[in-house]
C-alpha atoms as a PDB file:
ATOM      1  CA  MET A   1       0.000   0.000   0.000  1.00  0.00           C
ATOM      2  CA  THR A   2       1.487   3.351  -1.063  1.00  0.00           C
ATOM      3  CA  ALA A   3       1.899   6.298   1.291  1.00  0.00           C
ATOM      4  CA  LEU A   4      -0.615   8.304  -0.780  1.00  0.00           C
ATOM      5  CA  THR A   5      -3.225   5.556  -0.391  1.00  0.00           C
ATOM      6  CA  VAL A   6      -2.663   5.490   3.358  1.00  0.00           C
ATOM      7  CA  GLN A   7      -3.185   9.266   3.604  1.00  0.00           C
ATOM      8  CA  PHE A   8      -6.275   9.093   1.398  1.00  0.00           C
ATOM      9  CA  ARG A   9      -7.830   6.387   3.561  1.00  0.00           C
ATOM     10  CA  ALA A  10      -7.002   8.381   6.688  1.00  0.00           C
ATOM     11  CA  SER A  11      -8.732  11.444   5.216  1.00  0.00           C
ATOM     12  CA  TYR A  12     -11.748   9.366   4.265  1.00  0.00           C
ATOM     13  CA  ALA A  13     -11.972   8.143   7.851  1.00  0.00           C
ATOM     14  CA  PHE A  14     -12.757  11.678   8.967  1.00  0.00           C
ATOM     15  CA  VAL A  15     -15.370  12.000   6.224  1.00  0.00           C
ATOM     16  CA  GLU A  16     -16.998   8.759   7.350  1.00  0.00           C
ATOM     17  CA  ARG A  17     -16.853   9.830  10.995  1.00  0.00           C
ATOM     18  CA  ASN A  18     -18.719  13.056  10.215  1.00  0.00           C
ATOM     19  CA  PHE A  19     -21.445  11.254   8.271  1.00  0.00           C
ATOM     20  CA  ASN A  20     -21.849   8.893  11.219  1.00  0.00           C
ATOM     21  CA  LEU A  21     -22.229  11.893  13.504  1.00  0.00           C
ATOM     22  CA  ILE A  22     -25.006  13.199  11.268  1.00  0.00           C
ATOM     23  CA  LYS A  23     -26.785   9.860  11.456  1.00  0.00           C
ATOM     24  CA  ARG A  24     -26.414   9.818  15.234  1.00  0.00           C
ATOM     25  CA  TYR A  25     -27.681  13.386  15.669  1.00  0.00           C
ATOM     26  CA  TRP A  26     -30.209  13.304  12.810  1.00  0.00           C
ATOM     27  CA  SER A  27     -32.815  15.124  14.906  1.00  0.00           C
ATOM     28  CA  TRP A  28     -30.516  18.123  15.281  1.00  0.00           C
ATOM     29  CA  GLU A  29     -29.835  18.076  11.535  1.00  0.00           C
ATOM     30  CA  LEU A  30     -33.593  18.093  10.923  1.00  0.00           C
ATOM     31  CA  VAL A  31     -34.026  21.080  13.240  1.00  0.00           C
ATOM     32  CA  TRP A  32     -31.198  22.923  11.490  1.00  0.00           C
ATOM     33  CA  LEU A  33     -32.722  22.155   8.077  1.00  0.00           C
ATOM     34  CA  VAL A  34     -36.141  23.449   9.105  1.00  0.00           C
ATOM     35  CA  TYR A  35     -34.537  26.590  10.527  1.00  0.00           C
ATOM     36  CA  SER A  36     -32.510  27.181   7.353  1.00  0.00           C
ATOM     37  CA  VAL A  37     -35.523  26.677   5.083  1.00  0.00           C
ATOM     38  CA  ALA A  38     -37.623  29.041   7.199  1.00  0.00           C
ATOM     39  CA  GLU A  39     -34.880  31.670   7.157  1.00  0.00           C
ATOM     40  CA  SER A  40     -34.455  31.402   3.380  1.00  0.00           C
ATOM     41  CA  LEU A  41     -38.198  31.696   2.814  1.00  0.00           C
ATOM     42  CA  SER A  42     -38.465  34.644   5.209  1.00  0.00           C
ATOM     43  CA  VAL A  43     -35.770  36.607   3.408  1.00  0.00           C
ATOM     44  CA  SER A  44     -37.269  35.813   0.011  1.00  0.00           C
ATOM     45  CA  PHE A  45     -40.742  36.913   1.135  1.00  0.00           C
ATOM     46  CA  ILE A  46     -39.284  40.411   1.538  1.00  0.00           C
ATOM     47  CA  GLY A  47     -39.372  40.638  -2.242  1.00  0.00           C
ATOM     48  CA  LEU A  48     -43.054  39.719  -2.357  1.00  0.00           C
ATOM     49  CA  GLY A  49     -43.800  42.133   0.475  1.00  0.00           C
ATOM     50  CA  MET A  50     -42.364  45.180  -1.259  1.00  0.00           C
ATOM     51  CA  GLY A  51     -45.669  45.977  -2.913  1.00  0.00           C
ATOM     52  CA  ALA A  52     -47.482  45.939   0.422  1.00  0.00           C
ATOM     53  CA  ILE A  53     -44.994  48.119   2.306  1.00  0.00           C
ATOM     54  CA  SER A  54     -44.928  51.872   1.752  1.00  0.00           C
ATOM     55  CA  GLY A  55     -44.254  54.816   4.018  1.00  0.00           C
ATOM     56  CA  SER A  56     -46.261  57.261   1.910  1.00  0.00           C
ATOM     57  CA  ASP A  57     -49.497  57.590  -0.028  1.00  0.00           C
ATOM     58  CA  GLN A  58     -47.588  57.430  -3.295  1.00  0.00           C
ATOM     59  CA  PRO A  59     -47.407  54.062  -5.040  1.00  0.00           C
ATOM     60  CA  LEU A  60     -44.087  52.291  -5.183  1.00  0.00           C
ATOM     61  CA  PRO A  61     -42.235  52.419  -8.491  1.00  0.00           C
ATOM     62  CA  GLN A  62     -42.688  49.426 -10.752  1.00  0.00           C
ATOM     63  CA  VAL A  63     -40.432  46.621  -9.531  1.00  0.00           C
ATOM     64  CA  ASP A  64     -39.866  43.191 -11.053  1.00  0.00           C
ATOM     65  CA  THR A  65     -40.930  41.247  -7.975  1.00  0.00           C
ATOM     66  CA  SER A  66     -39.917  37.864  -9.375  1.00  0.00           C
ATOM     67  CA  TYR A  67     -36.430  39.153 -10.152  1.00  0.00           C
ATOM     68  CA  PHE A  68     -36.079  40.647  -6.668  1.00  0.00           C
ATOM     69  CA  VAL A  69     -37.242  37.444  -4.976  1.00  0.00           C
ATOM     70  CA  LEU A  70     -34.707  35.424  -6.966  1.00  0.00           C
ATOM     71  CA  TYR A  71     -31.997  38.002  -6.173  1.00  0.00           C
ATOM     72  CA  LEU A  72     -32.604  37.572  -2.443  1.00  0.00           C
ATOM     73  CA  LEU A  73     -32.958  33.811  -2.730  1.00  0.00           C
ATOM     74  CA  ILE A  74     -29.635  33.433  -4.544  1.00  0.00           C
ATOM     75  CA  GLY A  75     -27.911  35.548  -1.908  1.00  0.00           C
ATOM     76  CA  THR A  76     -29.435  33.448   0.860  1.00  0.00           C
ATOM     77  CA  LEU A  77     -28.487  30.113  -0.723  1.00  0.00           C
ATOM     78  CA  VAL A  78     -24.943  31.140  -1.679  1.00  0.00           C
ATOM     79  CA  TRP A  79     -24.362  32.453   1.812  1.00  0.00           C
ATOM     80  CA  ARG A  80     -25.829  29.299   3.331  1.00  0.00           C
ATOM     81  CA  PHE A  81     -23.463  27.169   1.260  1.00  0.00           C
ATOM     82  CA  LEU A  82     -20.332  29.186   2.088  1.00  0.00           C
ATOM     83  CA  SER A  83     -21.152  29.677   5.779  1.00  0.00           C
ATOM     84  CA  THR A  84     -21.960  25.969   6.228  1.00  0.00           C
ATOM     85  CA  ILE A  85     -18.501  25.095   4.903  1.00  0.00           C
ATOM     86  CA  PHE A  86     -17.007  27.640   7.281  1.00  0.00           C
ATOM     87  CA  TYR A  87     -18.862  26.352  10.329  1.00  0.00           C
ATOM     88  CA  TRP A  88     -18.113  22.680   9.686  1.00  0.00           C
ATOM     89  CA  ILE A  89     -14.405  23.467   9.471  1.00  0.00           C
ATOM     90  CA  THR A  90     -14.374  25.724  12.523  1.00  0.00           C
ATOM     91  CA  ASP A  91     -16.220  22.986  14.433  1.00  0.00           C
ATOM     92  CA  LEU A  92     -13.227  20.723  13.922  1.00  0.00           C
ATOM     93  CA  ILE A  93     -12.085  21.192  17.525  1.00  0.00           C
ATOM     94  CA  ASN A  94     -15.593  21.377  18.987  1.00  0.00           C
ATOM     95  CA  ILE A  95     -16.474  17.995  17.481  1.00  0.00           C
ATOM     96  CA  GLU A  96     -13.418  16.417  19.086  1.00  0.00           C
ATOM     97  CA  ARG A  97     -14.348  17.935  22.446  1.00  0.00           C
ATOM     98  CA  TRP A  98     -17.961  16.786  22.181  1.00  0.00           C
ATOM     99  CA  GLU A  99     -16.820  13.265  21.392  1.00  0.00           C
ATOM    100  CA  GLY A 100     -14.077  13.305  24.028  1.00  0.00           C
ATOM    101  CA  THR A 101     -11.404  12.467  21.441  1.00  0.00           C
ATOM    102  CA  ILE A 102      -9.454  15.715  21.183  1.00  0.00           C
ATOM    103  CA  GLU A 103      -6.323  14.371  22.884  1.00  0.00           C
ATOM    104  CA  TYR A 104      -6.303  11.205  20.792  1.00  0.00           C
ATOM    105  CA  THR A 105      -6.896  12.954  17.477  1.00  0.00           C
ATOM    106  CA  LEU A 106      -4.442  15.819  17.877  1.00  0.00           C
ATOM    107  CA  MET A 107      -1.759  13.588  19.414  1.00  0.00           C
ATOM    108  CA  ALA A 108      -2.205  10.803  16.831  1.00  0.00           C
ATOM    109  CA  PRO A 109       0.635  10.230  14.309  1.00  0.00           C
ATOM    110  CA  ILE A 110      -1.291  11.731  11.403  1.00  0.00           C
ATOM    111  CA  HIS A 111      -0.533  14.737   9.233  1.00  0.00           C
ATOM    112  CA  ARG A 112      -2.739  17.704  10.038  1.00  0.00           C
ATOM    113  CA  LEU A 113      -3.161  18.263   6.295  1.00  0.00           C
ATOM    114  CA  THR A 114      -4.690  14.773   6.061  1.00  0.00           C
ATOM    115  CA  HIS A 115      -7.049  15.608   8.913  1.00  0.00           C
ATOM    116  CA  MET A 116      -8.050  18.925   7.352  1.00  0.00           C
ATOM    117  CA  ALA A 117      -8.499  17.373   3.902  1.00  0.00           C
ATOM    118  CA  GLY A 118     -11.088  14.933   5.230  1.00  0.00           C
ATOM    119  CA  GLN A 119     -12.913  17.653   7.161  1.00  0.00           C
ATOM    120  CA  THR A 120     -12.986  20.086   4.223  1.00  0.00           C
ATOM    121  CA  PHE A 121     -14.079  17.477   1.692  1.00  0.00           C
ATOM    122  CA  PHE A 122     -16.959  16.496   3.939  1.00  0.00           C
ATOM    123  CA  SER A 123     -17.920  20.136   4.523  1.00  0.00           C
ATOM    124  CA  VAL A 124     -18.160  20.839   0.771  1.00  0.00           C
ATOM    125  CA  VAL A 125     -20.209  17.697   0.028  1.00  0.00           C
ATOM    126  CA  TYR A 126     -22.501  18.304   3.005  1.00  0.00           C
ATOM    127  CA  SER A 127     -22.982  21.964   2.053  1.00  0.00           C
ATOM    128  CA  LEU A 128     -23.887  21.056  -1.531  1.00  0.00           C
ATOM    129  CA  LEU A 129     -26.480  18.517  -0.390  1.00  0.00           C
ATOM    130  CA  PHE A 130     -27.860  20.766   2.350  1.00  0.00           C
ATOM    131  CA  THR A 131     -28.150  23.799   0.062  1.00  0.00           C
ATOM    132  CA  GLY A 132     -29.636  21.662  -2.709  1.00  0.00           C
ATOM    133  CA  VAL A 133     -32.481  20.556  -0.435  1.00  0.00           C
ATOM    134  CA  ILE A 134     -33.202  24.178   0.539  1.00  0.00           C
ATOM    135  CA  LEU A 135     -33.138  25.226  -3.127  1.00  0.00           C
ATOM    136  CA  GLY A 136     -35.600  22.482  -4.039  1.00  0.00           C
ATOM    137  CA  ILE A 137     -38.054  23.474  -1.304  1.00  0.00           C
ATOM    138  CA  THR A 138     -37.868  27.214  -1.994  1.00  0.00           C
ATOM    139  CA  ALA A 139     -38.159  26.656  -5.760  1.00  0.00           C
ATOM    140  CA  MET A 140     -41.435  24.794  -5.186  1.00  0.00           C
ATOM    141  CA  VAL A 141     -42.798  27.473  -2.846  1.00  0.00           C
ATOM    142  CA  PHE A 142     -42.026  30.361  -5.212  1.00  0.00           C
ATOM    143  CA  GLU A 143     -42.496  28.345  -8.435  1.00  0.00           C
ATOM    144  CA  ILE A 144     -39.099  29.447  -9.708  1.00  0.00           C
ATOM    145  CA  ASP A 145     -38.188  28.594 -13.283  1.00  0.00           C
ATOM    146  CA  LEU A 146     -34.433  28.151 -13.783  1.00  0.00           C
ATOM    147  CA  GLY A 147     -34.770  26.663 -17.247  1.00  0.00           C
ATOM    148  CA  GLU A 148     -32.715  29.419 -18.914  1.00  0.00           C
ATOM    149  CA  ALA A 149     -30.233  29.891 -16.065  1.00  0.00           C
ATOM    150  CA  ASN A 150     -26.592  28.837 -16.421  1.00  0.00           C
ATOM    151  CA  LEU A 151     -26.643  26.352 -13.547  1.00  0.00           C
ATOM    152  CA  LEU A 152     -23.271  24.830 -14.472  1.00  0.00           C
ATOM    153  CA  GLY A 153     -21.575  28.224 -14.448  1.00  0.00           C
ATOM    154  CA  GLY A 154     -23.156  29.094 -11.105  1.00  0.00           C
ATOM    155  CA  VAL A 155     -21.974  25.845  -9.538  1.00  0.00           C
ATOM    156  CA  LEU A 156     -18.438  26.369 -10.884  1.00  0.00           C
ATOM    157  CA  VAL A 157     -18.249  29.842  -9.330  1.00  0.00           C
ATOM    158  CA  LEU A 158     -19.661  28.456  -6.089  1.00  0.00           C
ATOM    159  CA  LEU A 159     -17.104  25.649  -5.891  1.00  0.00           C
ATOM    160  CA  ALA A 160     -14.239  28.001  -6.759  1.00  0.00           C
ATOM    161  CA  GLY A 161     -15.283  30.311  -3.941  1.00  0.00           C
ATOM    162  CA  SER A 162     -15.397  27.439  -1.467  1.00  0.00           C
ATOM    163  CA  PHE A 163     -11.582  27.255  -1.449  1.00  0.00           C
ATOM    164  CA  SER A 164     -11.336  30.730   0.032  1.00  0.00           C
ATOM    165  CA  PHE A 165     -13.844  29.913   2.757  1.00  0.00           C
ATOM    166  CA  ILE A 166     -11.953  26.709   3.501  1.00  0.00           C
ATOM    167  CA  GLY A 167      -8.839  28.806   4.153  1.00  0.00           C
ATOM    168  CA  ILE A 168     -10.741  31.278   6.329  1.00  0.00           C
ATOM    169  CA  GLY A 169     -12.386  28.399   8.187  1.00  0.00           C
ATOM    170  CA  ILE A 170      -9.070  26.662   8.900  1.00  0.00           C
ATOM    171  CA  MET A 171      -7.673  29.938  10.216  1.00  0.00           C
ATOM    172  CA  ALA A 172     -10.729  30.559  12.410  1.00  0.00           C
ATOM    173  CA  SER A 173     -10.675  26.970  13.723  1.00  0.00           C
ATOM    174  CA  SER A 174      -7.568  27.878  15.701  1.00  0.00           C
ATOM    175  CA  LEU A 175      -9.668  30.070  18.024  1.00  0.00           C
ATOM    176  CA  PRO A 176     -11.342  27.147  19.865  1.00  0.00           C
ATOM    177  CA  LEU A 177      -7.839  25.774  20.428  1.00  0.00           C
ATOM    178  CA  LEU A 178      -6.502  29.022  21.864  1.00  0.00           C
ATOM    179  CA  PHE A 179      -9.655  29.910  23.813  1.00  0.00           C
ATOM    180  CA  PRO A 180     -11.445  26.701  24.900  1.00  0.00           C
ATOM    181  CA  GLU A 181     -14.195  28.555  26.782  1.00  0.00           C
ATOM    182  CA  ARG A 182     -15.302  31.110  24.148  1.00  0.00           C
ATOM    183  CA  GLY A 183     -13.315  30.277  21.025  1.00  0.00           C
ATOM    184  CA  SER A 184     -16.231  28.815  19.079  1.00  0.00           C
ATOM    185  CA  GLN A 185     -18.325  31.941  19.698  1.00  0.00           C
ATOM    186  CA  MET A 186     -15.447  34.130  18.515  1.00  0.00           C
ATOM    187  CA  THR A 187     -15.531  32.517  15.075  1.00  0.00           C
ATOM    188  CA  HIS A 188     -18.894  34.206  14.417  1.00  0.00           C
ATOM    189  CA  VAL A 189     -17.024  37.505  14.007  1.00  0.00           C
ATOM    190  CA  PHE A 190     -15.572  36.288  10.693  1.00  0.00           C
ATOM    191  CA  VAL A 191     -19.002  35.418   9.310  1.00  0.00           C
ATOM    192  CA  ALA A 192     -20.610  38.623  10.578  1.00  0.00           C
ATOM    193  CA  LEU A 193     -18.014  40.843   8.897  1.00  0.00           C
ATOM    194  CA  LEU A 194     -18.188  38.946   5.612  1.00  0.00           C
ATOM    195  CA  LEU A 195     -21.998  39.063   5.697  1.00  0.00           C
ATOM    196  CA  LEU A 196     -21.888  42.839   6.130  1.00  0.00           C
ATOM    197  CA  ILE A 197     -19.500  43.694   3.295  1.00  0.00           C
ATOM    198  CA  SER A 198     -20.192  41.011   0.671  1.00  0.00           C
ATOM    199  CA  GLY A 199     -23.572  42.074  -0.694  1.00  0.00           C
ATOM    200  CA  VAL A 200     -25.545  39.027   0.353  1.00  0.00           C
ATOM    201  CA  TYR A 201     -28.908  40.818   0.501  1.00  0.00           C
ATOM    202  CA  TYR A 202     -28.064  44.100  -1.248  1.00  0.00           C
ATOM    203  CA  PRO A 203     -25.649  45.397  -3.892  1.00  0.00           C
ATOM    204  CA  VAL A 204     -22.187  46.320  -2.674  1.00  0.00           C
ATOM    205  CA  SER A 205     -22.670  49.714  -4.353  1.00  0.00           C
ATOM    206  CA  VAL A 206     -24.988  50.876  -1.524  1.00  0.00           C
ATOM    207  CA  LEU A 207     -22.274  50.454   1.131  1.00  0.00           C
ATOM    208  CA  PRO A 208     -20.352  53.440   2.555  1.00  0.00           C
ATOM    209  CA  GLY A 209     -16.955  54.113   1.034  1.00  0.00           C
ATOM    210  CA  PHE A 210     -14.763  52.271   3.545  1.00  0.00           C
ATOM    211  CA  LEU A 211     -17.012  49.199   3.580  1.00  0.00           C
ATOM    212  CA  LYS A 212     -17.129  49.195  -0.217  1.00  0.00           C
ATOM    213  CA  GLU A 213     -13.337  49.040  -0.248  1.00  0.00           C
ATOM    214  CA  LEU A 214     -13.375  46.082   2.151  1.00  0.00           C
ATOM    215  CA  ALA A 215     -15.854  44.273  -0.112  1.00  0.00           C
ATOM    216  CA  VAL A 216     -13.106  43.977  -2.729  1.00  0.00           C
ATOM    217  CA  ILE A 217     -11.121  41.609  -0.504  1.00  0.00           C
ATOM    218  CA  SER A 218     -14.102  39.425   0.428  1.00  0.00           C
ATOM    219  CA  PRO A 219     -14.297  36.221  -1.639  1.00  0.00           C
ATOM    220  CA  ALA A 220     -18.057  36.081  -1.071  1.00  0.00           C
ATOM    221  CA  THR A 221     -18.448  39.319  -3.070  1.00  0.00           C
ATOM    222  CA  TYR A 222     -17.116  37.673  -6.234  1.00  0.00           C
ATOM    223  CA  VAL A 223     -19.033  34.447  -5.671  1.00  0.00           C
ATOM    224  CA  LEU A 224     -22.345  36.259  -5.193  1.00  0.00           C
ATOM    225  CA  GLU A 225     -21.885  38.469  -8.256  1.00  0.00           C
ATOM    226  CA  GLY A 226     -20.813  35.537 -10.413  1.00  0.00           C
ATOM    227  CA  VAL A 227     -23.638  33.236  -9.345  1.00  0.00           C
ATOM    228  CA  ARG A 228     -26.236  35.991  -9.780  1.00  0.00           C
ATOM    229  CA  LEU A 229     -25.014  36.727 -13.295  1.00  0.00           C
ATOM    230  CA  ALA A 230     -25.123  33.017 -14.151  1.00  0.00           C
ATOM    231  CA  LEU A 231     -28.621  32.442 -12.761  1.00  0.00           C
ATOM    232  CA  LEU A 232     -30.359  35.793 -13.251  1.00  0.00           C
ATOM    233  CA  ASP A 233     -28.804  36.907 -16.545  1.00  0.00           C
ATOM    234  CA  SER A 234     -27.816  33.489 -17.967  1.00  0.00           C
ATOM    235  CA  ALA A 235     -24.238  34.712 -18.427  1.00  0.00           C
ATOM    236  CA  PRO A 236     -22.089  32.212 -20.383  1.00  0.00           C
ATOM    237  CA  THR A 237     -19.568  30.246 -18.361  1.00  0.00           C
ATOM    238  CA  GLY A 238     -16.579  31.851 -20.111  1.00  0.00           C
ATOM    239  CA  SER A 239     -17.619  35.339 -18.967  1.00  0.00           C
ATOM    240  CA  LEU A 240     -17.627  34.192 -15.331  1.00  0.00           C
ATOM    241  CA  TRP A 241     -13.852  33.724 -15.277  1.00  0.00           C
ATOM    242  CA  ARG A 242     -13.415  37.282 -13.947  1.00  0.00           C
ATOM    243  CA  PHE A 243     -15.135  36.109 -10.763  1.00  0.00           C
ATOM    244  CA  VAL A 244     -13.405  32.735 -10.599  1.00  0.00           C
ATOM    245  CA  TRP A 245      -9.738  33.706 -10.770  1.00  0.00           C
ATOM    246  CA  PRO A 246      -9.809  36.186  -7.819  1.00  0.00           C
ATOM    247  CA  VAL A 247     -11.344  33.610  -5.457  1.00  0.00           C
ATOM    248  CA  LEU A 248      -8.958  30.906  -6.655  1.00  0.00           C
ATOM    249  CA  LEU A 249      -6.006  33.197  -5.918  1.00  0.00           C
ATOM    250  CA  MET A 250      -7.468  33.997  -2.505  1.00  0.00           C
ATOM    251  CA  GLY A 251      -7.882  30.286  -1.836  1.00  0.00           C
ATOM    252  CA  MET A 252      -4.280  29.575  -2.860  1.00  0.00           C
ATOM    253  CA  ALA A 253      -3.136  32.166  -0.325  1.00  0.00           C
ATOM    254  CA  LEU A 254      -5.645  31.549   2.468  1.00  0.00           C
ATOM    255  CA  ILE A 255      -5.411  27.745   2.703  1.00  0.00           C
ATOM    256  CA  PRO A 256      -1.624  27.636   3.346  1.00  0.00           C
ATOM    257  CA  ALA A 257      -1.961  30.657   5.653  1.00  0.00           C
ATOM    258  CA  GLY A 258      -4.775  28.924   7.538  1.00  0.00           C
ATOM    259  CA  LEU A 259      -2.759  25.723   7.920  1.00  0.00           C
ATOM    260  CA  TRP A 260       0.209  27.714   9.223  1.00  0.00           C
ATOM    261  CA  VAL A 261      -1.953  29.620  11.742  1.00  0.00           C
ATOM    262  CA  PHE A 262      -3.621  26.405  12.911  1.00  0.00           C
ATOM    263  CA  GLY A 263      -0.220  24.711  13.237  1.00  0.00           C
ATOM    264  CA  GLN A 264       1.046  27.527  15.451  1.00  0.00           C
ATOM    265  CA  ALA A 265      -2.119  27.405  17.563  1.00  0.00           C
ATOM    266  CA  GLU A 266      -1.890  23.625  17.886  1.00  0.00           C
ATOM    267  CA  ARG A 267       1.704  23.750  19.109  1.00  0.00           C
ATOM    268  CA  TYR A 268       0.799  26.471  21.587  1.00  0.00           C
ATOM    269  CA  ALA A 269      -2.225  24.505  22.844  1.00  0.00           C
ATOM    270  CA  LYS A 270      -0.138  21.372  23.369  1.00  0.00           C
ATOM    271  CA  ARG A 271       2.562  23.311  25.160  1.00  0.00           C
ATOM    272  CA  LYS A 272       0.061  25.044  27.461  1.00  0.00           C
ATOM    273  CA  GLY A 273      -2.105  21.973  28.085  1.00  0.00           C
ATOM    274  CA  LYS A 274      -5.258  23.282  26.363  1.00  0.00           C
ATOM    275  CA  LEU A 275      -6.258  19.960  24.787  1.00  0.00           C
ATOM    276  CA  HIS A 276      -8.703  19.162  27.562  1.00  0.00           C
ATOM    277  CA  ARG A 277     -12.111  17.740  26.736  1.00  0.00           C
ATOM    278  CA  ASN A 278     -14.234  20.418  28.390  1.00  0.00           C
ATOM    279  CA  GLY A 279     -14.154  23.920  26.956  1.00  0.00           C
END
């Protein structure tokens, strides 16, 4: 058996472990799915409610309600996909603490890259399936027709953007190691800032100047714009490259940086005795 095969099987072990956790805690997954569907529907209903909300006696200007609903829905689903990847990776340490295996896993003779590879692969597959279910339910509720949309181009942009969020997630996963009591809560800061500046529910152009400048360095900005062009305007796949290459470059920089940060945090945690089971 080659060394590469051994590492691949070790990575797959973490994928299999996570799927087993889902089967064990299926009721929590069902609750999370219902919550996510309800949140996606609630945001999308804002588009339908525009015609009923007015602060004056004057009628609202003519708005393509269907387009606006789909605009909000795409933002919600893209953000759900990217944030789910982020949270599964940042829960790397929390899962080990919940299962009481943190000492065994982090002290085991296994490359951390192998460990992270299994966790990230699972997070992408899980996010695709999870988001696909939400898309199917919301499409039925709003009777959305995506027959002319460039679904392949949208998925390509989405997958390209996942690399950047993998890097950010690996970097943020060091916080539960450094701060066992509140580290997992601290990771929400990353998501909150990206949600604010990336144009999930509104165009980046409406942001103040300094936030608009920050939006340029957010990978979610490019993913959202690319997916919306592919699905709303049926942009050809070739024209989406201008959104793909920035997030791929960000991913190439963020993943090694995240691994380095996590490695430093892991060595510090081992030296200071922070690998205890209770945060």
